[in-house]
Amino acid sequence: MAKFEKFLKFTEMLSDAEAELGIAHLSGLDKRILYCLEKAKTQGKNLSFEELNQVMDTPRATLYRHVHNLVDKGVVQKKKDPTDGRRNIISVALSA
């Protein structure tokens, strides 16, 4: 029973963190996109859509729609790569 109580506590903490960031209403896929972008950032990497597509197990068209929906909502931003003008970098626009 102690392991299940830990799971419940973890789930509550995760829900609280999502609410605090204002992302509780997002879909699971949207949250995974944010996770992948932030995880790459902590590793010193900037991801383009193509690179994000390589690390996600989501069909390209579905991922494209979700990323653009997040951009439209202001949750994710898209900027030109300063080292390669043909490439767009996508990143989380929310501040913690």
PDB file of N, CA and C in Angstrom:
ATOM      1  N   MET A   1       0.816  -1.200   0.000  1.00  0.00           N
ATOM      2  CA  MET A   1       0.000   0.000   0.000  1.00  0.00           C
ATOM      3  C   MET A   1       0.857   1.260   0.000  1.00  0.00           C
ATOM      4  N   ALA A   2       2.037   1.222   0.583  1.00  0.00           N
ATOM      5  CA  ALA A   2       2.903   2.399   0.664  1.00  0.00           C
ATOM      6  C   ALA A   2       3.321   2.870  -0.727  1.00  0.00           C
ATOM      7  N   LYS A   3       3.553   1.939  -1.657  1.00  0.00           N
ATOM      8  CA  LYS A   3       3.952   2.336  -3.014  1.00  0.00           C
ATOM      9  C   LYS A   3       2.810   3.051  -3.714  1.00  0.00           C
ATOM     10  N   PHE A   4       1.587   2.585  -3.505  1.00  0.00           N
ATOM     11  CA  PHE A   4       0.453   3.240  -4.139  1.00  0.00           C
ATOM     12  C   PHE A   4       0.239   4.623  -3.541  1.00  0.00           C
ATOM     13  N   GLU A   5       0.487   4.784  -2.269  1.00  0.00           N
ATOM     14  CA  GLU A   5       0.371   6.101  -1.636  1.00  0.00           C
ATOM     15  C   GLU A   5       1.405   7.059  -2.211  1.00  0.00           C
ATOM     16  N   LYS A   6       2.615   6.555  -2.502  1.00  0.00           N
ATOM     17  CA  LYS A   6       3.640   7.382  -3.136  1.00  0.00           C
ATOM     18  C   LYS A   6       3.187   7.811  -4.528  1.00  0.00           C
ATOM     19  N   PHE A   7       2.567   6.891  -5.257  1.00  0.00           N
ATOM     20  CA  PHE A   7       2.044   7.208  -6.581  1.00  0.00           C
ATOM     21  C   PHE A   7       0.980   8.294  -6.491  1.00  0.00           C
ATOM     22  N   LEU A   8       0.075   8.174  -5.544  1.00  0.00           N
ATOM     23  CA  LEU A   8      -0.971   9.180  -5.369  1.00  0.00           C
ATOM     24  C   LEU A   8      -0.369  10.546  -5.043  1.00  0.00           C
ATOM     25  N   LYS A   9       0.604  10.565  -4.157  1.00  0.00           N
ATOM     26  CA  LYS A   9       1.254  11.822  -3.775  1.00  0.00           C
ATOM     27  C   LYS A   9       1.971  12.445  -4.971  1.00  0.00           C
ATOM     28  N   PHE A  10       2.678  11.607  -5.727  1.00  0.00           N
ATOM     29  CA  PHE A  10       3.371  12.091  -6.919  1.00  0.00           C
ATOM     30  C   PHE A  10       2.376  12.675  -7.917  1.00  0.00           C
ATOM     31  N   THR A  11       1.266  11.986  -8.142  1.00  0.00           N
ATOM     32  CA  THR A  11       0.245  12.452  -9.075  1.00  0.00           C
ATOM     33  C   THR A  11      -0.335  13.785  -8.620  1.00  0.00           C
ATOM     34  N   GLU A  12      -0.570  13.937  -7.339  1.00  0.00           N
ATOM     35  CA  GLU A  12      -1.075  15.203  -6.804  1.00  0.00           C
ATOM     36  C   GLU A  12      -0.056  16.322  -7.006  1.00  0.00           C
ATOM     37  N   MET A  13       1.212  16.028  -6.766  1.00  0.00           N
ATOM     38  CA  MET A  13       2.259  17.034  -6.946  1.00  0.00           C
ATOM     39  C   MET A  13       2.374  17.438  -8.415  1.00  0.00           C
ATOM     40  N   LEU A  14       2.276  16.465  -9.313  1.00  0.00           N
ATOM     41  CA  LEU A  14       2.343  16.755 -10.741  1.00  0.00           C
ATOM     42  C   LEU A  14       1.153  17.612 -11.167  1.00  0.00           C
ATOM     43  N   SER A  15      -0.024  17.282 -10.684  1.00  0.00           N
ATOM     44  CA  SER A  15      -1.218  18.074 -10.999  1.00  0.00           C
ATOM     45  C   SER A  15      -1.086  19.501 -10.480  1.00  0.00           C
ATOM     46  N   ASP A  16      -0.541  19.648  -9.286  1.00  0.00           N
ATOM     47  CA  ASP A  16      -0.325  20.984  -8.725  1.00  0.00           C
ATOM     48  C   ASP A  16       0.664  21.783  -9.573  1.00  0.00           C
ATOM     49  N   ALA A  17       1.741  21.139 -10.017  1.00  0.00           N
ATOM     50  CA  ALA A  17       2.747  21.815 -10.837  1.00  0.00           C
ATOM     51  C   ALA A  17       2.156  22.235 -12.186  1.00  0.00           C
ATOM     52  N   GLU A  18       1.344  21.356 -12.786  1.00  0.00           N
ATOM     53  CA  GLU A  18       0.701  21.694 -14.059  1.00  0.00           C
ATOM     54  C   GLU A  18      -0.250  22.869 -13.898  1.00  0.00           C
ATOM     55  N   ALA A  19      -0.995  22.874 -12.801  1.00  0.00           N
ATOM     56  CA  ALA A  19      -1.926  23.986 -12.550  1.00  0.00           C
ATOM     57  C   ALA A  19      -1.153  25.284 -12.343  1.00  0.00           C
ATOM     58  N   GLU A  20      -0.050  25.219 -11.606  1.00  0.00           N
ATOM     59  CA  GLU A  20       0.760  26.406 -11.339  1.00  0.00           C
ATOM     60  C   GLU A  20       1.351  26.983 -12.631  1.00  0.00           C
ATOM     61  N   LEU A  21       1.744  26.105 -13.556  1.00  0.00           N
ATOM     62  CA  LEU A  21       2.300  26.556 -14.832  1.00  0.00           C
ATOM     63  C   LEU A  21       1.211  26.961 -15.826  1.00  0.00           C
ATOM     64  N   GLY A  22      -0.031  26.620 -15.516  1.00  0.00           N
ATOM     65  CA  GLY A  22      -1.125  26.942 -16.419  1.00  0.00           C
ATOM     66  C   GLY A  22      -1.251  25.992 -17.592  1.00  0.00           C
ATOM     67  N   ILE A  23      -0.790  24.760 -17.418  1.00  0.00           N
ATOM     68  CA  ILE A  23      -0.847  23.790 -18.510  1.00  0.00           C
ATOM     69  C   ILE A  23      -1.738  22.593 -18.189  1.00  0.00           C
ATOM     70  N   ALA A  24      -2.470  22.656 -17.110  1.00  0.00           N
ATOM     71  CA  ALA A  24      -3.301  21.523 -16.700  1.00  0.00           C
ATOM     72  C   ALA A  24      -4.347  21.165 -17.751  1.00  0.00           C
ATOM     73  N   HIS A  25      -4.794  22.152 -18.514  1.00  0.00           N
ATOM     74  CA  HIS A  25      -5.839  21.937 -19.513  1.00  0.00           C
ATOM     75  C   HIS A  25      -5.317  21.325 -20.813  1.00  0.00           C
ATOM     76  N   LEU A  26      -3.994  21.264 -20.990  1.00  0.00           N
ATOM     77  CA  LEU A  26      -3.416  20.754 -22.225  1.00  0.00           C
ATOM     78  C   LEU A  26      -3.533  19.235 -22.307  1.00  0.00           C
ATOM     79  N   SER A  27      -3.499  18.730 -23.526  1.00  0.00           N
ATOM     80  CA  SER A  27      -3.565  17.279 -23.731  1.00  0.00           C
ATOM     81  C   SER A  27      -2.262  16.618 -23.300  1.00  0.00           C
ATOM     82  N   GLY A  28      -2.296  15.321 -23.173  1.00  0.00           N
ATOM     83  CA  GLY A  28      -1.098  14.569 -22.820  1.00  0.00           C
ATOM     84  C   GLY A  28       0.009  14.759 -23.844  1.00  0.00           C
ATOM     85  N   LEU A  29      -0.358  14.786 -25.122  1.00  0.00           N
ATOM     86  CA  LEU A  29       0.638  14.993 -26.177  1.00  0.00           C
ATOM     87  C   LEU A  29       1.254  16.382 -26.072  1.00  0.00           C
ATOM     88  N   ASP A  30       0.433  17.384 -25.810  1.00  0.00           N
ATOM     89  CA  ASP A  30       0.962  18.743 -25.646  1.00  0.00           C
ATOM     90  C   ASP A  30       1.974  18.793 -24.504  1.00  0.00           C
ATOM     91  N   LYS A  31       1.665  18.139 -23.417  1.00  0.00           N
ATOM     92  CA  LYS A  31       2.578  18.121 -22.260  1.00  0.00           C
ATOM     93  C   LYS A  31       3.863  17.370 -22.595  1.00  0.00           C
ATOM     94  N   ARG A  32       3.773  16.306 -23.397  1.00  0.00           N
ATOM     95  CA  ARG A  32       4.977  15.581 -23.808  1.00  0.00           C
ATOM     96  C   ARG A  32       5.849  16.444 -24.711  1.00  0.00           C
ATOM     97  N   ILE A  33       5.222  17.238 -25.570  1.00  0.00           N
ATOM     98  CA  ILE A  33       5.974  18.165 -26.431  1.00  0.00           C
ATOM     99  C   ILE A  33       6.743  19.154 -25.560  1.00  0.00           C
ATOM    100  N   LEU A  34       6.052  19.746 -24.579  1.00  0.00           N
ATOM    101  CA  LEU A  34       6.716  20.686 -23.674  1.00  0.00           C
ATOM    102  C   LEU A  34       7.858  20.006 -22.927  1.00  0.00           C
ATOM    103  N   TYR A  35       7.628  18.776 -22.474  1.00  0.00           N
ATOM    104  CA  TYR A  35       8.666  18.026 -21.755  1.00  0.00           C
ATOM    105  C   TYR A  35       9.894  17.830 -22.646  1.00  0.00           C
ATOM    106  N   CYS A  36       9.686  17.375 -23.883  1.00  0.00           N
ATOM    107  CA  CYS A  36      10.818  17.130 -24.786  1.00  0.00           C
ATOM    108  C   CYS A  36      11.597  18.403 -25.085  1.00  0.00           C
ATOM    109  N   LEU A  37      10.882  19.503 -25.299  1.00  0.00           N
ATOM    110  CA  LEU A  37      11.560  20.771 -25.578  1.00  0.00           C
ATOM    111  C   LEU A  37      12.379  21.239 -24.380  1.00  0.00           C
ATOM    112  N   GLU A  38      11.801  21.157 -23.187  1.00  0.00           N
ATOM    113  CA  GLU A  38      12.517  21.599 -21.982  1.00  0.00           C
ATOM    114  C   GLU A  38      13.664  20.652 -21.640  1.00  0.00           C
ATOM    115  N   LYS A  39      13.468  19.361 -21.842  1.00  0.00           N
ATOM    116  CA  LYS A  39      14.528  18.382 -21.569  1.00  0.00           C
ATOM    117  C   LYS A  39      15.734  18.665 -22.467  1.00  0.00           C
ATOM    118  N   ALA A  40      15.471  18.931 -23.743  1.00  0.00           N
ATOM    119  CA  ALA A  40      16.564  19.258 -24.670  1.00  0.00           C
ATOM    120  C   ALA A  40      17.269  20.534 -24.243  1.00  0.00           C
ATOM    121  N   LYS A  41      16.483  21.517 -23.809  1.00  0.00           N
ATOM    122  CA  LYS A  41      17.063  22.795 -23.374  1.00  0.00           C
ATOM    123  C   LYS A  41      18.005  22.592 -22.190  1.00  0.00           C
ATOM    124  N   THR A  42      17.626  21.740 -21.231  1.00  0.00           N
ATOM    125  CA  THR A  42      18.491  21.479 -20.072  1.00  0.00           C
ATOM    126  C   THR A  42      19.781  20.780 -20.476  1.00  0.00           C
ATOM    127  N   GLN A  43      19.750  20.132 -21.655  1.00  0.00           N
ATOM    128  CA  GLN A  43      20.948  19.466 -22.180  1.00  0.00           C
ATOM    129  C   GLN A  43      21.727  20.374 -23.127  1.00  0.00           C
ATOM    130  N   GLY A  44      21.310  21.642 -23.206  1.00  0.00           N
ATOM    131  CA  GLY A  44      22.004  22.616 -24.043  1.00  0.00           C
ATOM    132  C   GLY A  44      21.670  22.519 -25.522  1.00  0.00           C
ATOM    133  N   LYS A  45      20.532  21.903 -25.857  1.00  0.00           N
ATOM    134  CA  LYS A  45      20.145  21.735 -27.256  1.00  0.00           C
ATOM    135  C   LYS A  45      18.921  22.577 -27.574  1.00  0.00           C
ATOM    136  N   ASN A  46      18.904  23.123 -28.771  1.00  0.00           N
ATOM    137  CA  ASN A  46      17.724  23.788 -29.315  1.00  0.00           C
ATOM    138  C   ASN A  46      17.163  22.876 -30.390  1.00  0.00           C
ATOM    139  N   LEU A  47      15.857  22.622 -30.347  1.00  0.00           N
ATOM    140  CA  LEU A  47      15.252  21.692 -31.292  1.00  0.00           C
ATOM    141  C   LEU A  47      14.459  22.411 -32.374  1.00  0.00           C
ATOM    142  N   SER A  48      14.599  21.924 -33.581  1.00  0.00           N
ATOM    143  CA  SER A  48      13.721  22.321 -34.677  1.00  0.00           C
ATOM    144  C   SER A  48      12.549  21.342 -34.669  1.00  0.00           C
ATOM    145  N   PHE A  49      11.528  21.627 -35.473  1.00  0.00           N
ATOM    146  CA  PHE A  49      10.408  20.699 -35.560  1.00  0.00           C
ATOM    147  C   PHE A  49      10.890  19.324 -36.022  1.00  0.00           C
ATOM    148  N   GLU A  50      11.781  19.293 -36.995  1.00  0.00           N
ATOM    149  CA  GLU A  50      12.273  18.022 -37.521  1.00  0.00           C
ATOM    150  C   GLU A  50      12.975  17.205 -36.441  1.00  0.00           C
ATOM    151  N   GLU A  51      13.756  17.870 -35.599  1.00  0.00           N
ATOM    152  CA  GLU A  51      14.448  17.166 -34.517  1.00  0.00           C
ATOM    153  C   GLU A  51      13.458  16.690 -33.458  1.00  0.00           C
ATOM    154  N   LEU A  52      12.460  17.506 -33.152  1.00  0.00           N
ATOM    155  CA  LEU A  52      11.421  17.082 -32.218  1.00  0.00           C
ATOM    156  C   LEU A  52      10.690  15.870 -32.773  1.00  0.00           C
ATOM    157  N   ASN A  53      10.408  15.882 -34.056  1.00  0.00           N
ATOM    158  CA  ASN A  53       9.726  14.769 -34.699  1.00  0.00           C
ATOM    159  C   ASN A  53      10.539  13.482 -34.576  1.00  0.00           C
ATOM    160  N   GLN A  54      11.854  13.582 -34.596  1.00  0.00           N
ATOM    161  CA  GLN A  54      12.713  12.404 -34.485  1.00  0.00           C
ATOM    162  C   GLN A  54      12.681  11.788 -33.087  1.00  0.00           C
ATOM    163  N   VAL A  55      12.469  12.597 -32.049  1.00  0.00           N
ATOM    164  CA  VAL A  55      12.478  12.060 -30.685  1.00  0.00           C
ATOM    165  C   VAL A  55      11.086  11.661 -30.189  1.00  0.00           C
ATOM    166  N   MET A  56      10.050  12.074 -30.917  1.00  0.00           N
ATOM    167  CA  MET A  56       8.686  11.744 -30.495  1.00  0.00           C
ATOM    168  C   MET A  56       8.184  10.561 -31.325  1.00  0.00           C
ATOM    169  N   ASP A  57       7.302   9.772 -30.730  1.00  0.00           N
ATOM    170  CA  ASP A  57       6.734   8.619 -31.426  1.00  0.00           C
ATOM    171  C   ASP A  57       5.327   8.928 -31.946  1.00  0.00           C
ATOM    172  N   THR A  58       5.151  10.149 -32.432  1.00  0.00           N
ATOM    173  CA  THR A  58       3.854  10.649 -32.870  1.00  0.00           C
ATOM    174  C   THR A  58       3.888  10.845 -34.381  1.00  0.00           C
ATOM    175  N   PRO A  59       2.806  10.522 -35.075  1.00  0.00           N
ATOM    176  CA  PRO A  59       2.785  10.794 -36.511  1.00  0.00           C
ATOM    177  C   PRO A  59       3.087  12.267 -36.798  1.00  0.00           C
ATOM    178  N   ARG A  60       3.846  12.508 -37.840  1.00  0.00           N
ATOM    179  CA  ARG A  60       4.326  13.851 -38.170  1.00  0.00           C
ATOM    180  C   ARG A  60       3.188  14.869 -38.275  1.00  0.00           C
ATOM    181  N   ALA A  61       2.106  14.520 -38.967  1.00  0.00           N
ATOM    182  CA  ALA A  61       1.000  15.464 -39.159  1.00  0.00           C
ATOM    183  C   ALA A  61       0.336  15.814 -37.826  1.00  0.00           C
ATOM    184  N   THR A  62       0.195  14.839 -36.954  1.00  0.00           N
ATOM    185  CA  THR A  62      -0.396  15.078 -35.629  1.00  0.00           C
ATOM    186  C   THR A  62       0.503  15.988 -34.811  1.00  0.00           C
ATOM    187  N   LEU A  63       1.794  15.698 -34.811  1.00  0.00           N
ATOM    188  CA  LEU A  63       2.753  16.517 -34.077  1.00  0.00           C
ATOM    189  C   LEU A  63       2.745  17.948 -34.614  1.00  0.00           C
ATOM    190  N   TYR A  64       2.718  18.096 -35.931  1.00  0.00           N
ATOM    191  CA  TYR A  64       2.700  19.416 -36.560  1.00  0.00           C
ATOM    192  C   TYR A  64       1.497  20.232 -36.084  1.00  0.00           C
ATOM    193  N   ARG A  65       0.314  19.611 -36.093  1.00  0.00           N
ATOM    194  CA  ARG A  65      -0.900  20.308 -35.647  1.00  0.00           C
ATOM    195  C   ARG A  65      -0.790  20.736 -34.191  1.00  0.00           C
ATOM    196  N   HIS A  66      -0.285  19.852 -33.349  1.00  0.00           N
ATOM    197  CA  HIS A  66      -0.180  20.166 -31.925  1.00  0.00           C
ATOM    198  C   HIS A  66       0.838  21.271 -31.670  1.00  0.00           C
ATOM    199  N   VAL A  67       1.981  21.213 -32.342  1.00  0.00           N
ATOM    200  CA  VAL A  67       2.999  22.257 -32.163  1.00  0.00           C
ATOM    201  C   VAL A  67       2.444  23.606 -32.606  1.00  0.00           C
ATOM    202  N   HIS A  68       1.785  23.646 -33.746  1.00  0.00           N
ATOM    203  CA  HIS A  68       1.246  24.922 -34.223  1.00  0.00           C
ATOM    204  C   HIS A  68       0.104  25.422 -33.343  1.00  0.00           C
ATOM    205  N   ASN A  69      -0.663  24.517 -32.782  1.00  0.00           N
ATOM    206  CA  ASN A  69      -1.701  24.917 -31.833  1.00  0.00           C
ATOM    207  C   ASN A  69      -1.064  25.533 -30.580  1.00  0.00           C
ATOM    208  N   LEU A  70       0.025  24.942 -30.105  1.00  0.00           N
ATOM    209  CA  LEU A  70       0.732  25.486 -28.938  1.00  0.00           C
ATOM    210  C   LEU A  70       1.355  26.847 -29.260  1.00  0.00           C
ATOM    211  N   VAL A  71       1.842  27.026 -30.484  1.00  0.00           N
ATOM    212  CA  VAL A  71       2.378  28.323 -30.903  1.00  0.00           C
ATOM    213  C   VAL A  71       1.257  29.356 -30.913  1.00  0.00           C
ATOM    214  N   ASP A  72       0.111  28.984 -31.472  1.00  0.00           N
ATOM    215  CA  ASP A  72      -1.037  29.904 -31.525  1.00  0.00           C
ATOM    216  C   ASP A  72      -1.512  30.307 -30.131  1.00  0.00           C
ATOM    217  N   LYS A  73      -1.404  29.392 -29.164  1.00  0.00           N
ATOM    218  CA  LYS A  73      -1.820  29.671 -27.783  1.00  0.00           C
ATOM    219  C   LYS A  73      -0.757  30.458 -27.012  1.00  0.00           C
ATOM    220  N   GLY A  74       0.432  30.591 -27.591  1.00  0.00           N
ATOM    221  CA  GLY A  74       1.514  31.304 -26.912  1.00  0.00           C
ATOM    222  C   GLY A  74       2.282  30.469 -25.913  1.00  0.00           C
ATOM    223  N   VAL A  75       2.077  29.174 -25.934  1.00  0.00           N
ATOM    224  CA  VAL A  75       2.762  28.265 -25.008  1.00  0.00           C
ATOM    225  C   VAL A  75       4.149  27.904 -25.539  1.00  0.00           C
ATOM    226  N   VAL A  76       4.259  27.831 -26.857  1.00  0.00           N
ATOM    227  CA  VAL A  76       5.520  27.512 -27.534  1.00  0.00           C
ATOM    228  C   VAL A  76       5.815  28.659 -28.491  1.00  0.00           C
ATOM    229  N   GLN A  77       7.093  28.982 -28.630  1.00  0.00           N
ATOM    230  CA  GLN A  77       7.483  30.018 -29.584  1.00  0.00           C
ATOM    231  C   GLN A  77       8.377  29.417 -30.659  1.00  0.00           C
ATOM    232  N   LYS A  78       8.326  30.042 -31.801  1.00  0.00           N
ATOM    233  CA  LYS A  78       9.115  29.617 -32.947  1.00  0.00           C
ATOM    234  C   LYS A  78       9.973  30.802 -33.361  1.00  0.00           C
ATOM    235  N   LYS A  79      11.292  30.585 -33.456  1.00  0.00           N
ATOM    236  CA  LYS A  79      12.222  31.649 -33.857  1.00  0.00           C
ATOM    237  C   LYS A  79      13.184  31.109 -34.905  1.00  0.00           C
ATOM    238  N   LYS A  80      13.664  32.005 -35.747  1.00  0.00           N
ATOM    239  CA  LYS A  80      14.695  31.622 -36.717  1.00  0.00           C
ATOM    240  C   LYS A  80      15.981  31.284 -35.982  1.00  0.00           C
ATOM    241  N   ASP A  81      16.641  30.250 -36.416  1.00  0.00           N
ATOM    242  CA  ASP A  81      17.934  29.869 -35.863  1.00  0.00           C
ATOM    243  C   ASP A  81      18.951  30.913 -36.310  1.00  0.00           C
ATOM    244  N   PRO A  82      19.645  31.564 -35.366  1.00  0.00           N
ATOM    245  CA  PRO A  82      20.604  32.600 -35.755  1.00  0.00           C
ATOM    246  C   PRO A  82      21.783  32.059 -36.562  1.00  0.00           C
ATOM    247  N   THR A  83      22.042  30.765 -36.469  1.00  0.00           N
ATOM    248  CA  THR A  83      23.163  30.182 -37.210  1.00  0.00           C
ATOM    249  C   THR A  83      22.741  29.574 -38.539  1.00  0.00           C
ATOM    250  N   ASP A  84      21.422  29.415 -38.743  1.00  0.00           N
ATOM    251  CA  ASP A  84      20.905  28.841 -39.989  1.00  0.00           C
ATOM    252  C   ASP A  84      19.516  29.410 -40.245  1.00  0.00           C
ATOM    253  N   GLY A  85      19.427  30.415 -41.089  1.00  0.00           N
ATOM    254  CA  GLY A  85      18.180  31.119 -41.334  1.00  0.00           C
ATOM    255  C   GLY A  85      17.070  30.271 -41.924  1.00  0.00           C
ATOM    256  N   ARG A  86      17.402  29.086 -42.430  1.00  0.00           N
ATOM    257  CA  ARG A  86      16.381  28.207 -42.993  1.00  0.00           C
ATOM    258  C   ARG A  86      15.679  27.390 -41.908  1.00  0.00           C
ATOM    259  N   ARG A  87      16.241  27.381 -40.736  1.00  0.00           N
ATOM    260  CA  ARG A  87      15.777  26.506 -39.653  1.00  0.00           C
ATOM    261  C   ARG A  87      15.053  27.329 -38.593  1.00  0.00           C
ATOM    262  N   ASN A  88      13.928  26.817 -38.111  1.00  0.00           N
ATOM    263  CA  ASN A  88      13.213  27.427 -36.994  1.00  0.00           C
ATOM    264  C   ASN A  88      13.466  26.623 -35.731  1.00  0.00           C
ATOM    265  N   ILE A  89      13.740  27.328 -34.655  1.00  0.00           N
ATOM    266  CA  ILE A  89      13.894  26.716 -33.328  1.00  0.00           C
ATOM    267  C   ILE A  89      12.569  26.854 -32.614  1.00  0.00           C
ATOM    268  N   ILE A  90      12.108  25.783 -31.985  1.00  0.00           N
ATOM    269  CA  ILE A  90      10.888  25.869 -31.191  1.00  0.00           C
ATOM    270  C   ILE A  90      11.270  25.679 -29.730  1.00  0.00           C
ATOM    271  N   SER A  91      10.627  26.450 -28.871  1.00  0.00           N
ATOM    272  CA  SER A  91      10.936  26.380 -27.447  1.00  0.00           C
ATOM    273  C   SER A  91       9.695  26.742 -26.629  1.00  0.00           C
ATOM    274  N   VAL A  92       9.733  26.367 -25.376  1.00  0.00           N
ATOM    275  CA  VAL A  92       8.633  26.681 -24.461  1.00  0.00           C
ATOM    276  C   VAL A  92       8.666  28.156 -24.156  1.00  0.00           C
ATOM    277  N   ALA A  93       7.517  28.804 -24.256  1.00  0.00           N
ATOM    278  CA  ALA A  93       7.428  30.252 -24.025  1.00  0.00           C
ATOM    279  C   ALA A  93       6.988  30.579 -22.610  1.00  0.00           C
ATOM    280  N   LEU A  94       6.610  29.578 -21.844  1.00  0.00           N
ATOM    281  CA  LEU A  94       6.165  29.799 -20.463  1.00  0.00           C
ATOM    282  C   LEU A  94       7.372  29.980 -19.563  1.00  0.00           C
ATOM    283  N   SER A  95       7.233  30.805 -18.550  1.00  0.00           N
ATOM    284  CA  SER A  95       8.306  30.938 -17.574  1.00  0.00           C
ATOM    285  C   SER A  95       7.874  30.278 -16.270  1.00  0.00           C
ATOM    286  N   ALA A  96       8.821  29.626 -15.649  1.00  0.00           N
ATOM    287  CA  ALA A  96       8.518  28.880 -14.422  1.00  0.00           C
ATOM    288  C   ALA A  96       8.454  29.786 -13.229  1.00  0.00           C
TER     289      ALA A  96
END
